[in-house]
């Protein structure tokens, strides 16, 4: 059903964490995947790293997943201040929709309480109302989650996800980026559907052509 797929990442690494294995699966199946990161989080880069380190790291991480260099779009909105730039973000999303015309869009879920993630969800839902939309899972940002959609992935896809996440050396201390956490969640979601690995998503909009 889906040939052109767009991943919306409020911050670099959000796409890999939220749906990295699914990205790897779809690229392996020959789908055309785009990745849009809306902030390189210069204001919150750990001490000792250059301010633009996340721009360098997202290029490496998305390359690991197989995303073409020309399919990576990077914006530089200020981290934790997306609500202030809501209109500008919407306009960029509308431009992306006109340019890419995605069949399927991955974005933060409606359950995500982070202010930047919430803005991408709200404006993304408006900009891509004619596409199918799935919201990816961030356990650490969710009080609850509606996992109405589950996408089966395999061990190779999980390995690609972890390899891409590990390209973010500046974020290595974050507990949710550990191999144990990523693999454990994939095992849990897989168990729910009698598979070894899976990623779960909220169905925000589903269009059957």
C-alpha atoms as a PDB file:
ATOM      1  CA  UNK A   1       0.000   0.000   0.000  1.00  0.00           C
ATOM      2  CA  UNK A   2       2.815   2.410   0.827  1.00  0.00           C
ATOM      3  CA  UNK A   3       5.646   3.417  -1.482  1.00  0.00           C
ATOM      4  CA  UNK A   4       6.569   6.890  -0.225  1.00  0.00           C
ATOM      5  CA  UNK A   5       7.052   7.197   3.520  1.00  0.00           C
ATOM      6  CA  UNK A   6       7.903  10.255   5.607  1.00  0.00           C
ATOM      7  CA  UNK A   7       9.245  10.181   9.167  1.00  0.00           C
ATOM      8  CA  UNK A   8       8.753  13.350  11.226  1.00  0.00           C
ATOM      9  CA  UNK A   9      11.309  13.662  14.035  1.00  0.00           C
ATOM     10  CA  UNK A  10      10.930  16.678  16.323  1.00  0.00           C
ATOM     11  CA  UNK A  11      14.563  16.193  17.367  1.00  0.00           C
ATOM     12  CA  UNK A  12      17.383  14.221  15.806  1.00  0.00           C
ATOM     13  CA  UNK A  13      17.206  10.584  16.973  1.00  0.00           C
ATOM     14  CA  UNK A  14      13.433  10.639  17.630  1.00  0.00           C
ATOM     15  CA  UNK A  15      12.717   8.812  14.382  1.00  0.00           C
ATOM     16  CA  UNK A  16      15.295   6.129  15.064  1.00  0.00           C
ATOM     17  CA  UNK A  17      14.027   5.585  18.608  1.00  0.00           C
ATOM     18  CA  UNK A  18      10.360   5.642  17.628  1.00  0.00           C
ATOM     19  CA  UNK A  19      10.352   3.571  14.454  1.00  0.00           C
ATOM     20  CA  UNK A  20      13.936   2.738  13.474  1.00  0.00           C
ATOM     21  CA  UNK A  21      13.300  -0.973  12.925  1.00  0.00           C
ATOM     22  CA  UNK A  22      10.233  -0.230  10.819  1.00  0.00           C
ATOM     23  CA  UNK A  23      12.275   2.210   8.723  1.00  0.00           C
ATOM     24  CA  UNK A  24      14.889  -0.496   8.189  1.00  0.00           C
ATOM     25  CA  UNK A  25      12.185  -2.977   7.161  1.00  0.00           C
ATOM     26  CA  UNK A  26      10.551  -0.641   4.654  1.00  0.00           C
ATOM     27  CA  UNK A  27      13.860   0.389   3.108  1.00  0.00           C
ATOM     28  CA  UNK A  28      14.783  -3.277   2.802  1.00  0.00           C
ATOM     29  CA  UNK A  29      11.489  -3.753   0.940  1.00  0.00           C
ATOM     30  CA  UNK A  30      12.424  -1.002  -1.524  1.00  0.00           C
ATOM     31  CA  UNK A  31      10.217   1.790  -0.186  1.00  0.00           C
ATOM     32  CA  UNK A  32      11.250   5.424  -0.619  1.00  0.00           C
ATOM     33  CA  UNK A  33      11.722   6.800   2.909  1.00  0.00           C
ATOM     34  CA  UNK A  34      12.214  10.462   3.814  1.00  0.00           C
ATOM     35  CA  UNK A  35      13.281  11.743   7.234  1.00  0.00           C
ATOM     36  CA  UNK A  36      12.640  15.289   8.477  1.00  0.00           C
ATOM     37  CA  UNK A  37      14.351  16.398  11.715  1.00  0.00           C
ATOM     38  CA  UNK A  38      13.092  19.713  13.074  1.00  0.00           C
ATOM     39  CA  UNK A  39      15.805  20.532  15.616  1.00  0.00           C
ATOM     40  CA  UNK A  40      19.462  19.664  16.097  1.00  0.00           C
ATOM     41  CA  UNK A  41      19.095  20.714  19.768  1.00  0.00           C
ATOM     42  CA  UNK A  42      22.132  22.997  19.841  1.00  0.00           C
ATOM     43  CA  UNK A  43      20.982  24.460  23.150  1.00  0.00           C
ATOM     44  CA  UNK A  44      21.123  21.122  24.970  1.00  0.00           C
ATOM     45  CA  UNK A  45      24.232  19.459  23.536  1.00  0.00           C
ATOM     46  CA  UNK A  46      26.317  17.904  26.348  1.00  0.00           C
ATOM     47  CA  UNK A  47      29.485  19.682  27.359  1.00  0.00           C
ATOM     48  CA  UNK A  48      32.515  18.674  25.346  1.00  0.00           C
ATOM     49  CA  UNK A  49      30.700  18.236  22.027  1.00  0.00           C
ATOM     50  CA  UNK A  50      30.431  20.803  19.196  1.00  0.00           C
ATOM     51  CA  UNK A  51      27.064  22.550  19.058  1.00  0.00           C
ATOM     52  CA  UNK A  52      26.235  21.003  15.678  1.00  0.00           C
ATOM     53  CA  UNK A  53      27.152  17.450  16.694  1.00  0.00           C
ATOM     54  CA  UNK A  54      23.582  16.176  16.332  1.00  0.00           C
ATOM     55  CA  UNK A  55      23.465  17.345  12.725  1.00  0.00           C
ATOM     56  CA  UNK A  56      26.529  15.204  12.052  1.00  0.00           C
ATOM     57  CA  UNK A  57      25.120  12.278  14.020  1.00  0.00           C
ATOM     58  CA  UNK A  58      21.692  12.241  12.349  1.00  0.00           C
ATOM     59  CA  UNK A  59      23.392  12.006   8.959  1.00  0.00           C
ATOM     60  CA  UNK A  60      25.337   8.958  10.122  1.00  0.00           C
ATOM     61  CA  UNK A  61      22.331   7.352  11.828  1.00  0.00           C
ATOM     62  CA  UNK A  62      19.925   7.713   8.920  1.00  0.00           C
ATOM     63  CA  UNK A  63      22.597   6.445   6.529  1.00  0.00           C
ATOM     64  CA  UNK A  64      22.860   3.271   8.636  1.00  0.00           C
ATOM     65  CA  UNK A  65      19.118   2.716   8.201  1.00  0.00           C
ATOM     66  CA  UNK A  66      19.497   3.148   4.449  1.00  0.00           C
ATOM     67  CA  UNK A  67      17.878   6.550   4.041  1.00  0.00           C
ATOM     68  CA  UNK A  68      19.309   8.367   1.040  1.00  0.00           C
ATOM     69  CA  UNK A  69      21.309  11.514   1.790  1.00  0.00           C
ATOM     70  CA  UNK A  70      18.984  13.583  -0.379  1.00  0.00           C
ATOM     71  CA  UNK A  71      15.965  12.262   1.570  1.00  0.00           C
ATOM     72  CA  UNK A  72      17.170  13.724   4.876  1.00  0.00           C
ATOM     73  CA  UNK A  73      15.747  17.166   5.641  1.00  0.00           C
ATOM     74  CA  UNK A  74      17.139  19.091   8.624  1.00  0.00           C
ATOM     75  CA  UNK A  75      15.582  22.177  10.224  1.00  0.00           C
ATOM     76  CA  UNK A  76      17.009  24.218  13.095  1.00  0.00           C
ATOM     77  CA  UNK A  77      14.074  25.160  15.304  1.00  0.00           C
ATOM     78  CA  UNK A  78      15.058  25.762  18.931  1.00  0.00           C
ATOM     79  CA  UNK A  79      14.570  22.749  21.187  1.00  0.00           C
ATOM     80  CA  UNK A  80      11.714  22.926  23.732  1.00  0.00           C
ATOM     81  CA  UNK A  81      10.319  26.052  22.029  1.00  0.00           C
ATOM     82  CA  UNK A  82       8.306  24.570  19.144  1.00  0.00           C
ATOM     83  CA  UNK A  83       4.968  25.999  20.363  1.00  0.00           C
ATOM     84  CA  UNK A  84       6.376  29.491  19.732  1.00  0.00           C
ATOM     85  CA  UNK A  85       7.068  28.572  16.096  1.00  0.00           C
ATOM     86  CA  UNK A  86       3.882  26.647  15.425  1.00  0.00           C
ATOM     87  CA  UNK A  87       2.931  28.554  12.260  1.00  0.00           C
ATOM     88  CA  UNK A  88       6.419  28.363  10.749  1.00  0.00           C
ATOM     89  CA  UNK A  89       6.531  24.633  11.450  1.00  0.00           C
ATOM     90  CA  UNK A  90       3.116  24.125   9.856  1.00  0.00           C
ATOM     91  CA  UNK A  91       4.253  25.985   6.743  1.00  0.00           C
ATOM     92  CA  UNK A  92       7.330  23.751   6.446  1.00  0.00           C
ATOM     93  CA  UNK A  93       5.160  20.651   6.883  1.00  0.00           C
ATOM     94  CA  UNK A  94       2.818  21.835   4.147  1.00  0.00           C
ATOM     95  CA  UNK A  95       5.818  22.354   1.842  1.00  0.00           C
ATOM     96  CA  UNK A  96       7.001  18.824   2.611  1.00  0.00           C
ATOM     97  CA  UNK A  97       3.575  17.441   1.799  1.00  0.00           C
ATOM     98  CA  UNK A  98       3.487  19.221  -1.544  1.00  0.00           C
ATOM     99  CA  UNK A  99       7.006  18.083  -2.414  1.00  0.00           C
ATOM    100  CA  UNK A 100       6.959  14.479  -1.195  1.00  0.00           C
ATOM    101  CA  UNK A 101       3.263  13.517  -1.257  1.00  0.00           C
ATOM    102  CA  UNK A 102       3.773  10.673   1.232  1.00  0.00           C
ATOM    103  CA  UNK A 103       1.454   7.684   1.387  1.00  0.00           C
ATOM    104  CA  UNK A 104       2.363   7.091   5.031  1.00  0.00           C
ATOM    105  CA  UNK A 105       3.643   9.457   7.719  1.00  0.00           C
ATOM    106  CA  UNK A 106       5.230   8.495  11.041  1.00  0.00           C
ATOM    107  CA  UNK A 107       5.117  11.136  13.782  1.00  0.00           C
ATOM    108  CA  UNK A 108       4.892  11.412  17.582  1.00  0.00           C
ATOM    109  CA  UNK A 109       1.660  10.059  19.016  1.00  0.00           C
ATOM    110  CA  UNK A 110      -1.184  12.026  20.573  1.00  0.00           C
ATOM    111  CA  UNK A 111      -0.130  10.550  23.940  1.00  0.00           C
ATOM    112  CA  UNK A 112       3.298  12.227  23.890  1.00  0.00           C
ATOM    113  CA  UNK A 113       3.514  14.993  26.513  1.00  0.00           C
ATOM    114  CA  UNK A 114       6.739  16.677  25.290  1.00  0.00           C
ATOM    115  CA  UNK A 115       5.891  20.160  24.034  1.00  0.00           C
ATOM    116  CA  UNK A 116       7.945  19.838  20.833  1.00  0.00           C
ATOM    117  CA  UNK A 117       6.575  16.383  20.060  1.00  0.00           C
ATOM    118  CA  UNK A 118       3.039  17.613  20.696  1.00  0.00           C
ATOM    119  CA  UNK A 119       3.505  20.484  18.244  1.00  0.00           C
ATOM    120  CA  UNK A 120       4.731  18.165  15.479  1.00  0.00           C
ATOM    121  CA  UNK A 121       1.787  15.853  16.144  1.00  0.00           C
ATOM    122  CA  UNK A 122      -0.786  18.654  16.054  1.00  0.00           C
ATOM    123  CA  UNK A 123       0.564  20.464  13.010  1.00  0.00           C
ATOM    124  CA  UNK A 124       1.562  17.253  11.224  1.00  0.00           C
ATOM    125  CA  UNK A 125      -1.962  15.944  11.539  1.00  0.00           C
ATOM    126  CA  UNK A 126      -3.192  19.102   9.837  1.00  0.00           C
ATOM    127  CA  UNK A 127      -0.588  19.152   7.071  1.00  0.00           C
ATOM    128  CA  UNK A 128      -0.897  15.458   6.163  1.00  0.00           C
ATOM    129  CA  UNK A 129      -4.624  14.910   6.559  1.00  0.00           C
ATOM    130  CA  UNK A 130      -4.724  13.189   3.153  1.00  0.00           C
ATOM    131  CA  UNK A 131      -2.101  10.597   4.136  1.00  0.00           C
ATOM    132  CA  UNK A 132      -2.202   7.622   6.456  1.00  0.00           C
ATOM    133  CA  UNK A 133      -0.561   8.577   9.768  1.00  0.00           C
ATOM    134  CA  UNK A 134       0.919   6.425  12.527  1.00  0.00           C
ATOM    135  CA  UNK A 135       2.135   7.740  15.874  1.00  0.00           C
ATOM    136  CA  UNK A 136       5.275   6.121  17.277  1.00  0.00           C
ATOM    137  CA  UNK A 137       5.746   5.081  20.880  1.00  0.00           C
ATOM    138  CA  UNK A 138       7.926   6.884  23.436  1.00  0.00           C
ATOM    139  CA  UNK A 139       7.337   5.117  26.756  1.00  0.00           C
ATOM    140  CA  UNK A 140       9.188   7.785  28.719  1.00  0.00           C
ATOM    141  CA  UNK A 141       6.908  10.533  27.349  1.00  0.00           C
ATOM    142  CA  UNK A 142       3.591   8.649  27.553  1.00  0.00           C
ATOM    143  CA  UNK A 143       1.216   8.183  30.477  1.00  0.00           C
ATOM    144  CA  UNK A 144      -0.633   5.654  28.307  1.00  0.00           C
ATOM    145  CA  UNK A 145      -0.536   4.455  24.706  1.00  0.00           C
ATOM    146  CA  UNK A 146      -3.010   3.021  22.195  1.00  0.00           C
ATOM    147  CA  UNK A 147      -1.071   0.361  20.286  1.00  0.00           C
ATOM    148  CA  UNK A 148      -3.793  -0.332  17.711  1.00  0.00           C
ATOM    149  CA  UNK A 149      -1.202  -0.939  14.983  1.00  0.00           C
ATOM    150  CA  UNK A 150       1.744  -3.311  15.298  1.00  0.00           C
ATOM    151  CA  UNK A 151       4.395  -3.728  12.608  1.00  0.00           C
ATOM    152  CA  UNK A 152       6.392  -6.953  12.613  1.00  0.00           C
ATOM    153  CA  UNK A 153      10.168  -6.551  12.347  1.00  0.00           C
ATOM    154  CA  UNK A 154      13.009  -9.048  12.596  1.00  0.00           C
ATOM    155  CA  UNK A 155      16.341  -9.249  14.387  1.00  0.00           C
ATOM    156  CA  UNK A 156      18.207  -7.657  11.487  1.00  0.00           C
ATOM    157  CA  UNK A 157      15.869  -4.656  11.623  1.00  0.00           C
ATOM    158  CA  UNK A 158      16.398  -4.331  15.383  1.00  0.00           C
ATOM    159  CA  UNK A 159      20.167  -4.538  14.867  1.00  0.00           C
ATOM    160  CA  UNK A 160      19.964  -1.731  12.308  1.00  0.00           C
ATOM    161  CA  UNK A 161      17.901   0.336  14.738  1.00  0.00           C
ATOM    162  CA  UNK A 162      20.473  -0.102  17.491  1.00  0.00           C
ATOM    163  CA  UNK A 163      23.371   0.584  15.146  1.00  0.00           C
ATOM    164  CA  UNK A 164      21.717   3.841  14.082  1.00  0.00           C
ATOM    165  CA  UNK A 165      20.983   4.887  17.681  1.00  0.00           C
ATOM    166  CA  UNK A 166      24.581   4.173  18.634  1.00  0.00           C
ATOM    167  CA  UNK A 167      25.728   6.759  16.094  1.00  0.00           C
ATOM    168  CA  UNK A 168      24.457   9.372  18.554  1.00  0.00           C
ATOM    169  CA  UNK A 169      27.549   9.318  20.735  1.00  0.00           C
ATOM    170  CA  UNK A 170      26.528  12.625  22.322  1.00  0.00           C
ATOM    171  CA  UNK A 171      23.334  10.979  23.629  1.00  0.00           C
ATOM    172  CA  UNK A 172      24.900   7.734  24.862  1.00  0.00           C
ATOM    173  CA  UNK A 173      24.080   8.411  28.524  1.00  0.00           C
ATOM    174  CA  UNK A 174      20.315   8.513  27.932  1.00  0.00           C
ATOM    175  CA  UNK A 175      18.815   5.408  29.543  1.00  0.00           C
ATOM    176  CA  UNK A 176      16.153   4.913  26.858  1.00  0.00           C
ATOM    177  CA  UNK A 177      18.791   4.568  24.127  1.00  0.00           C
ATOM    178  CA  UNK A 178      20.277   1.382  25.602  1.00  0.00           C
ATOM    179  CA  UNK A 179      20.294  -1.948  23.766  1.00  0.00           C
ATOM    180  CA  UNK A 180      18.400  -3.519  26.653  1.00  0.00           C
ATOM    181  CA  UNK A 181      15.597  -0.955  26.561  1.00  0.00           C
ATOM    182  CA  UNK A 182      15.179  -1.000  22.764  1.00  0.00           C
ATOM    183  CA  UNK A 183      15.281  -4.790  22.444  1.00  0.00           C
ATOM    184  CA  UNK A 184      13.045  -5.290  25.490  1.00  0.00           C
ATOM    185  CA  UNK A 185      10.295  -3.082  24.105  1.00  0.00           C
ATOM    186  CA  UNK A 186      10.513  -4.786  20.692  1.00  0.00           C
ATOM    187  CA  UNK A 187      10.272  -8.191  22.407  1.00  0.00           C
ATOM    188  CA  UNK A 188       7.263  -7.048  24.431  1.00  0.00           C
ATOM    189  CA  UNK A 189       5.403  -5.726  21.387  1.00  0.00           C
ATOM    190  CA  UNK A 190       6.307  -8.856  19.451  1.00  0.00           C
ATOM    191  CA  UNK A 191       5.030 -11.103  22.240  1.00  0.00           C
ATOM    192  CA  UNK A 192       1.636  -9.414  22.036  1.00  0.00           C
ATOM    193  CA  UNK A 193       1.203 -10.689  18.480  1.00  0.00           C
ATOM    194  CA  UNK A 194       3.112 -13.996  18.817  1.00  0.00           C
ATOM    195  CA  UNK A 195       6.245 -12.749  17.046  1.00  0.00           C
ATOM    196  CA  UNK A 196       9.759 -12.213  18.286  1.00  0.00           C
ATOM    197  CA  UNK A 197      10.002  -8.485  17.503  1.00  0.00           C
ATOM    198  CA  UNK A 198       7.600  -5.669  16.607  1.00  0.00           C
ATOM    199  CA  UNK A 199       7.067  -1.930  16.920  1.00  0.00           C
ATOM    200  CA  UNK A 200       3.729  -0.493  18.033  1.00  0.00           C
ATOM    201  CA  UNK A 201       1.938   2.592  16.731  1.00  0.00           C
ATOM    202  CA  UNK A 202      -1.135   4.683  17.358  1.00  0.00           C
ATOM    203  CA  UNK A 203      -3.443   4.860  14.351  1.00  0.00           C
ATOM    204  CA  UNK A 204      -3.979   8.581  13.831  1.00  0.00           C
ATOM    205  CA  UNK A 205      -5.365   8.354  10.322  1.00  0.00           C
ATOM    206  CA  UNK A 206      -5.778   5.366   8.042  1.00  0.00           C
ATOM    207  CA  UNK A 207      -6.642   5.770   4.372  1.00  0.00           C
ATOM    208  CA  UNK A 208      -7.321   2.754   2.167  1.00  0.00           C
ATOM    209  CA  UNK A 209      -6.961   3.689  -1.533  1.00  0.00           C
END
